[in-house]
């Protein structure tokens, strides 16, 4: 089952990752690099889990590789969001540019009024 799942994920993400690698070679920039790190995450997770199943002696290393890549991917997601908001120095300026939105300032049973 793990082998079939890894082949299915590899087949579906293969074209997408190939396109991202092509973009990174044409435009080597931080957003493309972070997006590539996030896009490769399912493939790395499947390979590390399949390695744990196929080679039980290496289960600790495979889980370590998966956990390390997961932390790197989360850092990449946070940096990507920061870049989309305008960079490291401008993220709070973008968020504070609009007035506060009152989430709880809605009448009860708002769909009935």
N, C-alpha and C. Protein backbone atom coordinates (compact mmCIF):
# COMPACT_ATOMS: atom_id res chain seq x y z
N UNK A 1 0.82 -1.19 0.00
CA UNK A 1 0.00 0.00 0.00
C UNK A 1 0.87 1.26 0.00
N UNK A 2 1.96 1.22 0.77
CA UNK A 2 2.85 2.38 0.84
C UNK A 2 3.53 2.61 -0.50
N UNK A 3 3.90 1.52 -1.17
CA UNK A 3 4.57 1.64 -2.47
C UNK A 3 3.61 2.22 -3.50
N UNK A 4 2.37 1.77 -3.48
CA UNK A 4 1.38 2.29 -4.43
C UNK A 4 1.12 3.78 -4.15
N UNK A 5 1.02 4.14 -2.89
CA UNK A 5 0.80 5.54 -2.54
C UNK A 5 1.98 6.40 -2.94
N UNK A 6 3.19 5.90 -2.74
CA UNK A 6 4.37 6.69 -3.12
C UNK A 6 4.45 6.86 -4.63
N UNK A 7 4.09 5.83 -5.37
CA UNK A 7 4.08 5.96 -6.83
C UNK A 7 3.01 6.94 -7.30
N UNK A 8 1.86 6.91 -6.66
CA UNK A 8 0.78 7.83 -7.05
C UNK A 8 1.16 9.28 -6.75
N UNK A 9 1.73 9.51 -5.59
CA UNK A 9 2.14 10.88 -5.24
C UNK A 9 3.28 11.34 -6.12
N UNK A 10 4.23 10.46 -6.39
CA UNK A 10 5.34 10.82 -7.27
C UNK A 10 4.85 11.15 -8.68
N UNK A 11 3.89 10.37 -9.16
CA UNK A 11 3.36 10.64 -10.49
C UNK A 11 2.57 11.93 -10.57
N UNK A 12 1.80 12.23 -9.53
CA UNK A 12 0.99 13.44 -9.58
C UNK A 12 1.82 14.69 -9.32
N UNK A 13 2.83 14.59 -8.48
CA UNK A 13 3.65 15.76 -8.19
C UNK A 13 4.84 15.91 -9.13
N UNK A 14 5.10 14.90 -9.94
CA UNK A 14 6.26 14.94 -10.82
C UNK A 14 6.26 16.11 -11.78
N UNK A 15 5.13 16.34 -12.44
CA UNK A 15 5.05 17.44 -13.40
C UNK A 15 5.13 18.80 -12.71
N UNK A 16 4.50 18.89 -11.56
CA UNK A 16 4.50 20.15 -10.82
C UNK A 16 5.90 20.49 -10.32
N UNK A 17 6.60 19.51 -9.79
CA UNK A 17 7.94 19.75 -9.29
C UNK A 17 8.90 20.03 -10.43
N UNK A 18 8.71 19.37 -11.56
CA UNK A 18 9.54 19.65 -12.72
C UNK A 18 9.35 21.09 -13.19
N UNK A 19 8.13 21.56 -13.16
CA UNK A 19 7.86 22.96 -13.54
C UNK A 19 8.50 23.93 -12.54
N UNK A 20 8.40 23.62 -11.24
CA UNK A 20 9.01 24.49 -10.24
C UNK A 20 10.53 24.50 -10.36
N UNK A 21 11.13 23.35 -10.64
CA UNK A 21 12.58 23.32 -10.83
C UNK A 21 12.99 24.13 -12.06
N UNK A 22 12.17 24.08 -13.10
CA UNK A 22 12.42 24.90 -14.28
C UNK A 22 12.32 26.39 -13.96
N UNK A 23 11.34 26.76 -13.15
CA UNK A 23 11.22 28.16 -12.73
C UNK A 23 12.40 28.59 -11.88
N UNK A 24 12.87 27.68 -11.03
CA UNK A 24 13.99 28.05 -10.17
C UNK A 24 15.27 28.23 -10.97
N UNK A 25 15.44 27.45 -12.03
CA UNK A 25 16.64 27.64 -12.86
C UNK A 25 16.55 28.91 -13.68
N UNK A 26 15.33 29.31 -14.08
CA UNK A 26 15.18 30.56 -14.85
C UNK A 26 15.18 31.77 -13.93
N UNK A 27 14.48 31.69 -12.81
CA UNK A 27 14.35 32.81 -11.87
C UNK A 27 14.75 32.34 -10.47
N UNK A 28 16.03 32.28 -10.16
CA UNK A 28 16.40 31.83 -8.81
C UNK A 28 16.10 32.91 -7.77
N UNK A 29 14.96 32.77 -7.13
CA UNK A 29 14.56 33.76 -6.14
C UNK A 29 14.05 33.04 -4.89
N UNK A 30 13.89 33.80 -3.83
CA UNK A 30 13.46 33.23 -2.55
C UNK A 30 12.04 32.66 -2.62
N UNK A 31 11.05 33.35 -3.22
CA UNK A 31 9.70 32.74 -3.25
C UNK A 31 9.64 31.41 -3.98
N UNK A 32 10.39 31.30 -5.07
CA UNK A 32 10.40 30.03 -5.81
C UNK A 32 11.09 28.95 -4.98
N UNK A 33 12.16 29.30 -4.28
CA UNK A 33 12.88 28.33 -3.46
C UNK A 33 12.00 27.84 -2.31
N UNK A 34 11.29 28.75 -1.66
CA UNK A 34 10.41 28.36 -0.55
C UNK A 34 9.23 27.54 -1.04
N UNK A 35 8.68 27.91 -2.19
CA UNK A 35 7.57 27.14 -2.76
C UNK A 35 8.02 25.74 -3.14
N UNK A 36 9.23 25.63 -3.68
CA UNK A 36 9.76 24.32 -4.02
C UNK A 36 9.97 23.46 -2.78
N UNK A 37 10.41 24.06 -1.70
CA UNK A 37 10.59 23.32 -0.44
C UNK A 37 9.25 22.80 0.07
N UNK A 38 8.21 23.60 -0.03
CA UNK A 38 6.88 23.18 0.43
C UNK A 38 6.29 22.13 -0.51
N UNK A 39 6.52 22.28 -1.81
CA UNK A 39 5.95 21.33 -2.77
C UNK A 39 6.62 19.96 -2.68
N UNK A 40 7.87 19.91 -2.28
CA UNK A 40 8.56 18.63 -2.16
C UNK A 40 8.25 17.90 -0.86
N UNK A 41 7.56 18.54 0.06
CA UNK A 41 7.31 17.95 1.37
C UNK A 41 6.56 16.62 1.30
N UNK A 42 5.45 16.48 0.57
CA UNK A 42 4.77 15.17 0.55
C UNK A 42 5.65 14.06 -0.01
N UNK A 43 6.45 14.38 -1.01
CA UNK A 43 7.32 13.38 -1.60
C UNK A 43 8.39 12.93 -0.60
N UNK A 44 8.97 13.86 0.13
CA UNK A 44 9.97 13.50 1.14
C UNK A 44 9.34 12.69 2.27
N UNK A 45 8.14 13.07 2.68
CA UNK A 45 7.46 12.33 3.75
C UNK A 45 7.16 10.90 3.32
N UNK A 46 6.68 10.72 2.10
CA UNK A 46 6.35 9.38 1.63
C UNK A 46 7.61 8.53 1.51
N UNK A 47 8.68 9.11 1.01
CA UNK A 47 9.92 8.35 0.86
C UNK A 47 10.48 7.97 2.23
N UNK A 48 10.42 8.88 3.18
CA UNK A 48 10.94 8.55 4.52
C UNK A 48 10.09 7.48 5.20
N UNK A 49 8.77 7.53 5.03
CA UNK A 49 7.91 6.50 5.63
C UNK A 49 8.08 5.16 4.92
N UNK A 50 8.25 5.19 3.59
CA UNK A 50 8.47 3.95 2.85
C UNK A 50 9.82 3.34 3.24
N UNK A 51 10.81 4.17 3.49
CA UNK A 51 12.11 3.66 3.92
C UNK A 51 12.00 3.01 5.30
N UNK A 52 11.18 3.57 6.16
CA UNK A 52 10.98 2.96 7.48
C UNK A 52 10.30 1.60 7.38
N UNK A 53 9.41 1.46 6.40
CA UNK A 53 8.71 0.18 6.24
C UNK A 53 9.61 -0.84 5.54
N UNK A 54 10.33 -0.41 4.52
CA UNK A 54 11.13 -1.33 3.73
C UNK A 54 12.45 -1.70 4.41
N UNK A 55 13.00 -0.80 5.20
CA UNK A 55 14.27 -1.07 5.90
C UNK A 55 14.08 -0.75 7.38
N UNK A 56 13.58 -1.68 8.15
CA UNK A 56 13.28 -1.39 9.55
C UNK A 56 14.49 -1.00 10.39
N UNK A 57 15.69 -1.39 9.98
CA UNK A 57 16.87 -1.01 10.74
C UNK A 57 17.13 0.49 10.68
N UNK A 58 16.64 1.14 9.65
CA UNK A 58 16.89 2.58 9.47
C UNK A 58 15.69 3.42 9.85
N UNK A 59 14.77 2.90 10.64
CA UNK A 59 13.54 3.64 10.95
C UNK A 59 13.84 4.93 11.69
N UNK A 60 14.82 4.93 12.58
CA UNK A 60 15.13 6.15 13.33
C UNK A 60 15.67 7.24 12.41
N UNK A 61 16.54 6.85 11.49
CA UNK A 61 17.08 7.84 10.55
C UNK A 61 16.00 8.37 9.61
N UNK A 62 15.12 7.49 9.15
CA UNK A 62 14.07 7.94 8.23
C UNK A 62 13.10 8.89 8.93
N UNK A 63 12.75 8.59 10.18
CA UNK A 63 11.88 9.51 10.90
C UNK A 63 12.58 10.82 11.22
N UNK A 64 13.88 10.76 11.47
CA UNK A 64 14.66 11.99 11.70
C UNK A 64 14.70 12.85 10.45
N UNK A 65 14.88 12.21 9.30
CA UNK A 65 14.89 12.96 8.03
C UNK A 65 13.52 13.58 7.79
N UNK A 66 12.45 12.83 8.01
CA UNK A 66 11.11 13.38 7.84
C UNK A 66 10.81 14.53 8.77
N UNK A 67 11.21 14.40 10.04
CA UNK A 67 10.97 15.47 11.01
C UNK A 67 11.81 16.71 10.71
N UNK A 68 13.04 16.50 10.27
CA UNK A 68 13.90 17.64 9.91
C UNK A 68 13.33 18.39 8.71
N UNK A 69 12.87 17.64 7.72
CA UNK A 69 12.31 18.30 6.56
C UNK A 69 10.99 18.98 6.90
N UNK A 70 10.24 18.41 7.80
CA UNK A 70 8.99 19.05 8.22
C UNK A 70 9.26 20.39 8.89
N UNK A 71 10.27 20.46 9.73
CA UNK A 71 10.59 21.74 10.36
C UNK A 71 11.12 22.73 9.33
N UNK A 72 11.92 22.27 8.38
CA UNK A 72 12.40 23.17 7.33
C UNK A 72 11.25 23.66 6.46
N UNK A 73 10.28 22.79 6.22
CA UNK A 73 9.13 23.20 5.41
C UNK A 73 8.28 24.23 6.14
N UNK A 74 8.09 24.07 7.45
CA UNK A 74 7.32 25.06 8.20
C UNK A 74 8.01 26.42 8.22
N UNK A 75 9.33 26.42 8.34
CA UNK A 75 10.07 27.68 8.26
C UNK A 75 9.91 28.30 6.88
N UNK A 76 9.94 27.47 5.83
CA UNK A 76 9.76 27.98 4.48
C UNK A 76 8.37 28.57 4.29
N UNK A 77 7.34 27.94 4.87
CA UNK A 77 5.98 28.49 4.77
C UNK A 77 5.90 29.84 5.48
N UNK A 78 6.49 29.95 6.66
CA UNK A 78 6.47 31.22 7.38
C UNK A 78 7.22 32.31 6.63
N UNK A 79 8.36 31.97 6.04
CA UNK A 79 9.11 32.96 5.27
C UNK A 79 8.38 33.34 3.98
N UNK A 80 7.68 32.38 3.40
CA UNK A 80 6.90 32.68 2.19
C UNK A 80 5.75 33.62 2.50
N UNK A 81 5.07 33.40 3.61
CA UNK A 81 4.00 34.31 4.02
C UNK A 81 4.56 35.69 4.30
N UNK A 82 5.72 35.74 4.95
CA UNK A 82 6.35 37.03 5.22
C UNK A 82 6.71 37.74 3.93
N UNK A 83 7.21 37.01 2.94
CA UNK A 83 7.54 37.64 1.65
C UNK A 83 6.29 38.14 0.94
N UNK A 84 5.19 37.38 1.02
CA UNK A 84 3.96 37.82 0.38
C UNK A 84 3.37 39.05 1.05
N UNK A 85 3.64 39.21 2.33
CA UNK A 85 3.13 40.39 3.04
C UNK A 85 4.00 41.62 2.81
N UNK A 86 5.14 41.49 2.15
CA UNK A 86 5.94 42.64 1.82
C UNK A 86 7.35 42.61 2.33
N UNK A 87 7.78 41.55 2.92
CA UNK A 87 9.15 41.45 3.40
C UNK A 87 9.21 41.43 4.91
N UNK A 88 10.40 41.19 5.45
CA UNK A 88 10.52 41.05 6.90
C UNK A 88 10.18 42.32 7.67
N UNK A 89 10.44 43.50 7.10
CA UNK A 89 10.18 44.73 7.83
C UNK A 89 8.80 45.29 7.63
N UNK A 90 8.08 44.81 6.64
CA UNK A 90 6.80 45.42 6.29
C UNK A 90 5.61 44.54 6.63
N UNK A 91 5.81 43.41 7.25
CA UNK A 91 4.67 42.53 7.50
C UNK A 91 3.69 43.13 8.50
N UNK A 92 4.17 43.80 9.52
CA UNK A 92 3.24 44.43 10.47
C UNK A 92 2.59 45.67 9.89
N UNK A 93 3.28 46.37 8.98
CA UNK A 93 2.67 47.53 8.34
C UNK A 93 1.49 47.13 7.47
N UNK A 94 1.62 46.03 6.77
CA UNK A 94 0.51 45.56 5.91
C UNK A 94 -0.68 45.16 6.77
N UNK A 95 -0.41 44.47 7.86
CA UNK A 95 -1.51 44.02 8.72
C UNK A 95 -2.18 45.18 9.45
N UNK A 96 -1.41 46.23 9.77
CA UNK A 96 -2.00 47.36 10.50
C UNK A 96 -2.52 48.45 9.57
N UNK A 97 -2.46 48.27 8.27
CA UNK A 97 -2.92 49.30 7.34
C UNK A 97 -4.45 49.40 7.28
N UNK A 98 -5.15 48.36 7.65
CA UNK A 98 -6.61 48.39 7.65
C UNK A 98 -7.11 48.54 9.09
N UNK A 99 -8.29 49.10 9.26
CA UNK A 99 -8.81 49.22 10.63
C UNK A 99 -9.15 47.84 11.19
N UNK A 100 -9.18 47.71 12.49
CA UNK A 100 -9.51 46.40 13.09
C UNK A 100 -10.92 45.97 12.70
N UNK A 101 -11.06 44.71 12.42
CA UNK A 101 -12.34 44.14 12.04
C UNK A 101 -12.95 43.47 13.26
N UNK A 102 -14.16 43.86 13.58
CA UNK A 102 -14.83 43.30 14.75
C UNK A 102 -15.50 41.99 14.36
N UNK A 103 -14.86 40.91 14.73
CA UNK A 103 -15.37 39.60 14.36
C UNK A 103 -16.64 39.27 15.13
N UNK A 104 -16.70 39.67 16.39
CA UNK A 104 -17.82 39.29 17.25
C UNK A 104 -18.93 40.33 17.26
N UNK A 105 -18.85 41.36 16.43
CA UNK A 105 -19.87 42.40 16.41
C UNK A 105 -20.98 42.04 15.41
N UNK A 106 -21.60 40.91 15.60
CA UNK A 106 -22.66 40.43 14.73
C UNK A 106 -23.88 40.15 15.61
N UNK A 107 -25.05 40.48 15.08
CA UNK A 107 -26.28 40.22 15.83
C UNK A 107 -26.47 38.71 15.99
N UNK A 108 -27.13 38.32 17.06
CA UNK A 108 -27.40 36.88 17.21
C UNK A 108 -28.35 36.41 16.12
N UNK A 109 -28.15 35.21 15.70
CA UNK A 109 -28.95 34.62 14.60
C UNK A 109 -28.93 35.55 13.40
N UNK A 110 -27.73 35.86 12.92
CA UNK A 110 -27.57 36.85 11.85
C UNK A 110 -28.27 36.43 10.57
N UNK A 111 -28.48 35.15 10.36
CA UNK A 111 -29.14 34.75 9.13
C UNK A 111 -30.65 35.02 9.18
N UNK A 112 -31.20 35.20 10.36
CA UNK A 112 -32.63 35.43 10.49
C UNK A 112 -33.00 36.91 10.47
N UNK A 113 -32.07 37.80 10.71
CA UNK A 113 -32.39 39.23 10.79
C UNK A 113 -32.29 39.89 9.44
